[in-house]
PDB file of N, CA and C in Angstrom:
ATOM      1  N   MET A   1     139.582 189.758  -0.107  1.00  0.00           N
ATOM      2  CA  MET A   1     140.985 189.655   0.186  1.00  0.00           C
ATOM      3  C   MET A   1     141.738 190.719  -0.605  1.00  0.00           C
ATOM      4  N   ARG A   2     142.606 191.397   0.069  1.00  0.00           N
ATOM      5  CA  ARG A   2     143.413 192.435  -0.569  1.00  0.00           C
ATOM      6  C   ARG A   2     144.727 191.831  -1.030  1.00  0.00           C
ATOM      7  N   ASN A   3     145.105 192.206  -2.219  1.00  0.00           N
ATOM      8  CA  ASN A   3     146.330 191.662  -2.793  1.00  0.00           C
ATOM      9  C   ASN A   3     147.423 192.721  -2.659  1.00  0.00           C
ATOM     10  N   ILE A   4     147.803 193.017  -1.425  1.00  0.00           N
ATOM     11  CA  ILE A   4     148.749 194.100  -1.153  1.00  0.00           C
ATOM     12  C   ILE A   4     150.153 193.775  -1.661  1.00  0.00           C
ATOM     13  N   ASP A   5     150.526 192.499  -1.676  1.00  0.00           N
ATOM     14  CA  ASP A   5     151.859 192.139  -2.174  1.00  0.00           C
ATOM     15  C   ASP A   5     151.988 192.447  -3.665  1.00  0.00           C
ATOM     16  N   TYR A   6     150.914 192.247  -4.411  1.00  0.00           N
ATOM     17  CA  TYR A   6     150.917 192.559  -5.841  1.00  0.00           C
ATOM     18  C   TYR A   6     151.105 194.062  -6.055  1.00  0.00           C
ATOM     19  N   TYR A   7     150.360 194.891  -5.336  1.00  0.00           N
ATOM     20  CA  TYR A   7     150.470 196.346  -5.486  1.00  0.00           C
ATOM     21  C   TYR A   7     151.843 196.852  -5.041  1.00  0.00           C
ATOM     22  N   ARG A   8     152.390 196.241  -4.017  1.00  0.00           N
ATOM     23  CA  ARG A   8     153.719 196.623  -3.544  1.00  0.00           C
ATOM     24  C   ARG A   8     154.774 196.295  -4.606  1.00  0.00           C
ATOM     25  N   ALA A   9     154.658 195.151  -5.269  1.00  0.00           N
ATOM     26  CA  ALA A   9     155.611 194.764  -6.310  1.00  0.00           C
ATOM     27  C   ALA A   9     155.490 195.683  -7.529  1.00  0.00           C
ATOM     28  N   VAL A  10     154.253 196.033  -7.895  1.00  0.00           N
ATOM     29  CA  VAL A  10     154.057 196.930  -9.037  1.00  0.00           C
ATOM     30  C   VAL A  10     154.606 198.311  -8.720  1.00  0.00           C
ATOM     31  N   LEU A  11     154.339 198.816  -7.537  1.00  0.00           N
ATOM     32  CA  LEU A  11     154.849 200.132  -7.136  1.00  0.00           C
ATOM     33  C   LEU A  11     156.381 200.129  -7.083  1.00  0.00           C
ATOM     34  N   LEU A  12     156.968 199.078  -6.539  1.00  0.00           N
ATOM     35  CA  LEU A  12     158.424 198.971  -6.479  1.00  0.00           C
ATOM     36  C   LEU A  12     159.011 198.912  -7.893  1.00  0.00           C
ATOM     37  N   GLY A  13     158.394 198.173  -8.798  1.00  0.00           N
ATOM     38  CA  GLY A  13     158.859 198.098 -10.183  1.00  0.00           C
ATOM     39  C   GLY A  13     158.775 199.445 -10.881  1.00  0.00           C
ATOM     40  N   ALA A  14     157.673 200.184 -10.655  1.00  0.00           N
ATOM     41  CA  ALA A  14     157.521 201.502 -11.276  1.00  0.00           C
ATOM     42  C   ALA A  14     158.562 202.473 -10.747  1.00  0.00           C
ATOM     43  N   VAL A  15     158.796 202.465  -9.444  1.00  0.00           N
ATOM     44  CA  VAL A  15     159.799 203.359  -8.855  1.00  0.00           C
ATOM     45  C   VAL A  15     161.189 203.009  -9.355  1.00  0.00           C
ATOM     46  N   MET A  16     161.516 201.719  -9.402  1.00  0.00           N
ATOM     47  CA  MET A  16     162.838 201.305  -9.890  1.00  0.00           C
ATOM     48  C   MET A  16     163.001 201.648 -11.375  1.00  0.00           C
ATOM     49  N   GLY A  17     161.955 201.454 -12.167  1.00  0.00           N
ATOM     50  CA  GLY A  17     162.023 201.780 -13.590  1.00  0.00           C
ATOM     51  C   GLY A  17     162.225 203.266 -13.824  1.00  0.00           C
ATOM     52  N   MET A  18     161.495 204.093 -13.110  1.00  0.00           N
ATOM     53  CA  MET A  18     161.657 205.546 -13.251  1.00  0.00           C
ATOM     54  C   MET A  18     163.033 205.996 -12.764  1.00  0.00           C
ATOM     55  N   SER A  19     163.520 205.389 -11.706  1.00  0.00           N
ATOM     56  CA  SER A  19     164.862 205.729 -11.214  1.00  0.00           C
ATOM     57  C   SER A  19     165.919 205.367 -12.252  1.00  0.00           C
ATOM     58  N   PHE A  20     165.799 204.186 -12.839  1.00  0.00           N
ATOM     59  CA  PHE A  20     166.751 203.755 -13.858  1.00  0.00           C
ATOM     60  C   PHE A  20     166.695 204.673 -15.072  1.00  0.00           C
ATOM     61  N   LEU A  21     165.498 205.022 -15.533  1.00  0.00           N
ATOM     62  CA  LEU A  21     165.374 205.905 -16.689  1.00  0.00           C
ATOM     63  C   LEU A  21     165.927 207.301 -16.388  1.00  0.00           C
ATOM     64  N   SER A  22     165.687 207.806 -15.183  1.00  0.00           N
ATOM     65  CA  SER A  22     166.222 209.121 -14.810  1.00  0.00           C
ATOM     66  C   SER A  22     167.744 209.096 -14.777  1.00  0.00           C
ATOM     67  N   LEU A  23     168.312 208.046 -14.206  1.00  0.00           N
ATOM     68  CA  LEU A  23     169.767 207.917 -14.160  1.00  0.00           C
ATOM     69  C   LEU A  23     170.348 207.797 -15.562  1.00  0.00           C
ATOM     70  N   PHE A  24     169.725 207.011 -16.418  1.00  0.00           N
ATOM     71  CA  PHE A  24     170.178 206.860 -17.789  1.00  0.00           C
ATOM     72  C   PHE A  24     170.121 208.187 -18.534  1.00  0.00           C
ATOM     73  N   TYR A  25     169.050 208.938 -18.332  1.00  0.00           N
ATOM     74  CA  TYR A  25     168.912 210.239 -18.988  1.00  0.00           C
ATOM     75  C   TYR A  25     169.998 211.202 -18.518  1.00  0.00           C
ATOM     76  N   MET A  26     170.270 211.244 -17.234  1.00  0.00           N
ATOM     77  CA  MET A  26     171.283 212.166 -16.707  1.00  0.00           C
ATOM     78  C   MET A  26     172.673 211.805 -17.232  1.00  0.00           C
ATOM     79  N   VAL A  27     172.999 210.535 -17.304  1.00  0.00           N
ATOM     80  CA  VAL A  27     174.308 210.119 -17.816  1.00  0.00           C
ATOM     81  C   VAL A  27     174.395 210.414 -19.305  1.00  0.00           C
ATOM     82  N   ASN A  28     173.329 210.170 -20.032  1.00  0.00           N
ATOM     83  CA  ASN A  28     173.323 210.399 -21.470  1.00  0.00           C
ATOM     84  C   ASN A  28     173.456 211.886 -21.793  1.00  0.00           C
ATOM     85  N   VAL A  29     172.794 212.753 -21.061  1.00  0.00           N
ATOM     86  CA  VAL A  29     172.894 214.195 -21.285  1.00  0.00           C
ATOM     87  C   VAL A  29     174.290 214.682 -20.938  1.00  0.00           C
ATOM     88  N   ALA A  30     174.888 214.147 -19.882  1.00  0.00           N
ATOM     89  CA  ALA A  30     176.230 214.568 -19.486  1.00  0.00           C
ATOM     90  C   ALA A  30     177.255 214.179 -20.543  1.00  0.00           C
ATOM     91  N   LEU A  31     177.057 213.068 -21.226  1.00  0.00           N
ATOM     92  CA  LEU A  31     178.008 212.638 -22.252  1.00  0.00           C
ATOM     93  C   LEU A  31     177.840 213.401 -23.555  1.00  0.00           C
ATOM     94  N   ASP A  32     176.649 213.902 -23.816  1.00  0.00           N
ATOM     95  CA  ASP A  32     176.389 214.579 -25.081  1.00  0.00           C
ATOM     96  C   ASP A  32     176.826 216.038 -25.094  1.00  0.00           C
ATOM     97  N   THR A  33     177.118 216.610 -23.954  1.00  0.00           N
ATOM     98  CA  THR A  33     177.507 218.015 -23.938  1.00  0.00           C
ATOM     99  C   THR A  33     178.908 218.150 -24.513  1.00  0.00           C
ATOM    100  N   LYS A  34     179.052 219.049 -25.475  1.00  0.00           N
ATOM    101  CA  LYS A  34     180.339 219.278 -26.133  1.00  0.00           C
ATOM    102  C   LYS A  34     180.697 220.750 -25.987  1.00  0.00           C
ATOM    103  N   GLU A  35     181.975 221.007 -26.060  1.00  0.00           N
ATOM    104  CA  GLU A  35     182.447 222.386 -26.045  1.00  0.00           C
ATOM    105  C   GLU A  35     182.027 223.058 -27.346  1.00  0.00           C
ATOM    106  N   PRO A  36     181.457 224.244 -27.276  1.00  0.00           N
ATOM    107  CA  PRO A  36     181.106 224.921 -28.532  1.00  0.00           C
ATOM    108  C   PRO A  36     182.362 225.331 -29.289  1.00  0.00           C
ATOM    109  N   GLU A  37     182.301 225.186 -30.596  1.00  0.00           N
ATOM    110  CA  GLU A  37     183.447 225.562 -31.420  1.00  0.00           C
ATOM    111  C   GLU A  37     183.518 227.077 -31.532  1.00  0.00           C
ATOM    112  N   PRO A  38     184.719 227.624 -31.516  1.00  0.00           N
ATOM    113  CA  PRO A  38     184.817 229.069 -31.720  1.00  0.00           C
ATOM    114  C   PRO A  38     184.375 229.414 -33.137  1.00  0.00           C
ATOM    115  N   PRO A  39     183.715 230.539 -33.296  1.00  0.00           N
ATOM    116  CA  PRO A  39     183.253 230.893 -34.643  1.00  0.00           C
ATOM    117  C   PRO A  39     184.432 231.098 -35.580  1.00  0.00           C
ATOM    118  N   LYS A  40     184.276 230.569 -36.766  1.00  0.00           N
ATOM    119  CA  LYS A  40     185.337 230.728 -37.759  1.00  0.00           C
ATOM    120  C   LYS A  40     185.285 232.142 -38.307  1.00  0.00           C
ATOM    121  N   SER A  41     186.451 232.662 -38.606  1.00  0.00           N
ATOM    122  CA  SER A  41     186.528 234.007 -39.156  1.00  0.00           C
ATOM    123  C   SER A  41     185.998 234.012 -40.583  1.00  0.00           C
ATOM    124  N   LYS A  42     185.285 235.047 -40.917  1.00  0.00           N
ATOM    125  CA  LYS A  42     184.764 235.169 -42.276  1.00  0.00           C
ATOM    126  C   LYS A  42     185.778 235.801 -43.211  1.00  0.00           C
ATOM    127  N   PHE A  43     186.867 236.344 -42.637  1.00  0.00           N
ATOM    128  CA  PHE A  43     187.902 236.992 -43.438  1.00  0.00           C
ATOM    129  C   PHE A  43     189.178 236.172 -43.369  1.00  0.00           C
ATOM    130  N   GLU A  44     189.870 236.119 -44.498  1.00  0.00           N
ATOM    131  CA  GLU A  44     191.144 235.410 -44.562  1.00  0.00           C
ATOM    132  C   GLU A  44     192.080 236.187 -45.475  1.00  0.00           C
ATOM    133  N   VAL A  45     193.314 236.416 -45.016  1.00  0.00           N
ATOM    134  CA  VAL A  45     194.313 237.090 -45.840  1.00  0.00           C
ATOM    135  C   VAL A  45     194.872 236.061 -46.808  1.00  0.00           C
ATOM    136  N   VAL A  46     194.718 236.342 -48.106  1.00  0.00           N
ATOM    137  CA  VAL A  46     195.162 235.377 -49.104  1.00  0.00           C
ATOM    138  C   VAL A  46     196.404 235.833 -49.867  1.00  0.00           C
ATOM    139  N   ASP A  47     196.686 237.161 -49.874  1.00  0.00           N
ATOM    140  CA  ASP A  47     197.836 237.628 -50.638  1.00  0.00           C
ATOM    141  C   ASP A  47     198.172 239.051 -50.198  1.00  0.00           C
ATOM    142  N   LYS A  48     199.290 239.546 -50.684  1.00  0.00           N
ATOM    143  CA  LYS A  48     199.713 240.938 -50.461  1.00  0.00           C
ATOM    144  C   LYS A  48     199.799 241.641 -51.812  1.00  0.00           C
ATOM    145  N   TYR A  49     199.457 242.930 -51.811  1.00  0.00           N
ATOM    146  CA  TYR A  49     199.556 243.717 -53.042  1.00  0.00           C
ATOM    147  C   TYR A  49     199.918 245.142 -52.665  1.00  0.00           C
ATOM    148  N   LYS A  50     201.126 245.580 -52.995  1.00  0.00           N
ATOM    149  CA  LYS A  50     201.609 246.931 -52.725  1.00  0.00           C
ATOM    150  C   LYS A  50     201.337 247.358 -51.288  1.00  0.00           C
ATOM    151  N   ASN A  51     201.873 246.609 -50.338  1.00  0.00           N
ATOM    152  CA  ASN A  51     201.740 246.876 -48.904  1.00  0.00           C
ATOM    153  C   ASN A  51     200.290 246.830 -48.416  1.00  0.00           C
ATOM    154  N   CYS A  52     199.454 246.159 -49.130  1.00  0.00           N
ATOM    155  CA  CYS A  52     198.057 245.986 -48.724  1.00  0.00           C
ATOM    156  C   CYS A  52     197.760 244.493 -48.615  1.00  0.00           C
ATOM    157  N   ASP A  53     196.807 244.171 -47.790  1.00  0.00           N
ATOM    158  CA  ASP A  53     196.377 242.783 -47.663  1.00  0.00           C
ATOM    159  C   ASP A  53     195.184 242.536 -48.571  1.00  0.00           C
ATOM    160  N   LEU A  54     195.233 241.424 -49.276  1.00  0.00           N
ATOM    161  CA  LEU A  54     194.091 241.001 -50.072  1.00  0.00           C
ATOM    162  C   LEU A  54     193.284 240.034 -49.221  1.00  0.00           C
ATOM    163  N   LEU A  55     192.075 240.449 -48.862  1.00  0.00           N
ATOM    164  CA  LEU A  55     191.221 239.665 -47.981  1.00  0.00           C
ATOM    165  C   LEU A  55     190.159 238.938 -48.784  1.00  0.00           C
ATOM    166  N   ARG A  56     189.923 237.700 -48.390  1.00  0.00           N
ATOM    167  CA  ARG A  56     188.830 236.938 -48.982  1.00  0.00           C
ATOM    168  C   ARG A  56     187.737 236.826 -47.924  1.00  0.00           C
ATOM    169  N   TRP A  57     186.523 237.225 -48.288  1.00  0.00           N
ATOM    170  CA  TRP A  57     185.388 237.178 -47.378  1.00  0.00           C
ATOM    171  C   TRP A  57     184.390 236.149 -47.880  1.00  0.00           C
ATOM    172  N   THR A  58     183.849 235.393 -46.966  1.00  0.00           N
ATOM    173  CA  THR A  58     182.798 234.442 -47.322  1.00  0.00           C
ATOM    174  C   THR A  58     181.811 234.345 -46.176  1.00  0.00           C
ATOM    175  N   ASP A  59     180.576 234.163 -46.523  1.00  0.00           N
ATOM    176  CA  ASP A  59     179.570 233.789 -45.544  1.00  0.00           C
ATOM    177  C   ASP A  59     179.474 232.278 -45.668  1.00  0.00           C
ATOM    178  N   HIS A  60     179.740 231.554 -44.604  1.00  0.00           N
ATOM    179  CA  HIS A  60     179.899 230.108 -44.697  1.00  0.00           C
ATOM    180  C   HIS A  60     178.634 229.401 -45.169  1.00  0.00           C
ATOM    181  N   GLN A  61     177.523 230.090 -45.222  1.00  0.00           N
ATOM    182  CA  GLN A  61     176.299 229.467 -45.707  1.00  0.00           C
ATOM    183  C   GLN A  61     176.150 229.638 -47.221  1.00  0.00           C
ATOM    184  N   LEU A  62     176.968 230.501 -47.799  1.00  0.00           N
ATOM    185  CA  LEU A  62     176.906 230.736 -49.238  1.00  0.00           C
ATOM    186  C   LEU A  62     178.147 230.155 -49.900  1.00  0.00           C
ATOM    187  N   ALA A  63     178.031 229.831 -51.160  1.00  0.00           N
ATOM    188  CA  ALA A  63     179.158 229.261 -51.897  1.00  0.00           C
ATOM    189  C   ALA A  63     179.763 230.328 -52.803  1.00  0.00           C
ATOM    190  N   GLU A  64     180.149 231.441 -52.219  1.00  0.00           N
ATOM    191  CA  GLU A  64     180.772 232.496 -53.013  1.00  0.00           C
ATOM    192  C   GLU A  64     181.818 233.215 -52.158  1.00  0.00           C
ATOM    193  N   TYR A  65     182.797 233.800 -52.831  1.00  0.00           N
ATOM    194  CA  TYR A  65     183.848 234.563 -52.174  1.00  0.00           C
ATOM    195  C   TYR A  65     183.832 235.979 -52.729  1.00  0.00           C
ATOM    196  N   LYS A  66     184.173 236.929 -51.872  1.00  0.00           N
ATOM    197  CA  LYS A  66     184.350 238.317 -52.290  1.00  0.00           C
ATOM    198  C   LYS A  66     185.726 238.752 -51.789  1.00  0.00           C
ATOM    199  N   TYR A  67     186.401 239.547 -52.593  1.00  0.00           N
ATOM    200  CA  TYR A  67     187.756 239.949 -52.289  1.00  0.00           C
ATOM    201  C   TYR A  67     187.820 241.442 -52.041  1.00  0.00           C
ATOM    202  N   PHE A  68     188.638 241.854 -51.063  1.00  0.00           N
ATOM    203  CA  PHE A  68     188.808 243.260 -50.711  1.00  0.00           C
ATOM    204  C   PHE A  68     190.285 243.548 -50.504  1.00  0.00           C
ATOM    205  N   LEU A  69     190.661 244.780 -50.750  1.00  0.00           N
ATOM    206  CA  LEU A  69     192.006 245.240 -50.401  1.00  0.00           C
ATOM    207  C   LEU A  69     191.909 246.006 -49.093  1.00  0.00           C
ATOM    208  N   HIS A  70     192.767 245.670 -48.153  1.00  0.00           N
ATOM    209  CA  HIS A  70     192.820 246.372 -46.884  1.00  0.00           C
ATOM    210  C   HIS A  70     194.212 246.984 -46.745  1.00  0.00           C
ATOM    211  N   CYS A  71     194.266 248.318 -46.790  1.00  0.00           N
ATOM    212  CA  CYS A  71     195.544 248.999 -46.709  1.00  0.00           C
ATOM    213  C   CYS A  71     195.624 249.763 -45.392  1.00  0.00           C
ATOM    214  N   PRO A  72     196.641 249.476 -44.582  1.00  0.00           N
ATOM    215  CA  PRO A  72     196.812 250.245 -43.335  1.00  0.00           C
ATOM    216  C   PRO A  72     197.255 251.663 -43.649  1.00  0.00           C
ATOM    217  N   LYS A  73     196.806 252.590 -42.874  1.00  0.00           N
ATOM    218  CA  LYS A  73     197.151 254.000 -43.116  1.00  0.00           C
ATOM    219  C   LYS A  73     198.493 254.341 -42.558  1.00  0.00           C
TER     220      LYS A  73
END
């Protein structure tokens, strides 16, 4: 005797489970996408000195600042 109803129920359960997981994955990926942040500038004008800008430079991965004078010609 063939138990075709059992195989049909198992196949239907597997198809429904995979469909549910695929739908859940697609909704979850769509919710996780975020707008990328614009890169922060590494230079910042902190002061003026005799018609020149005093710039502070930092690499955001390092904990140090370097200062430069930028004078327009």
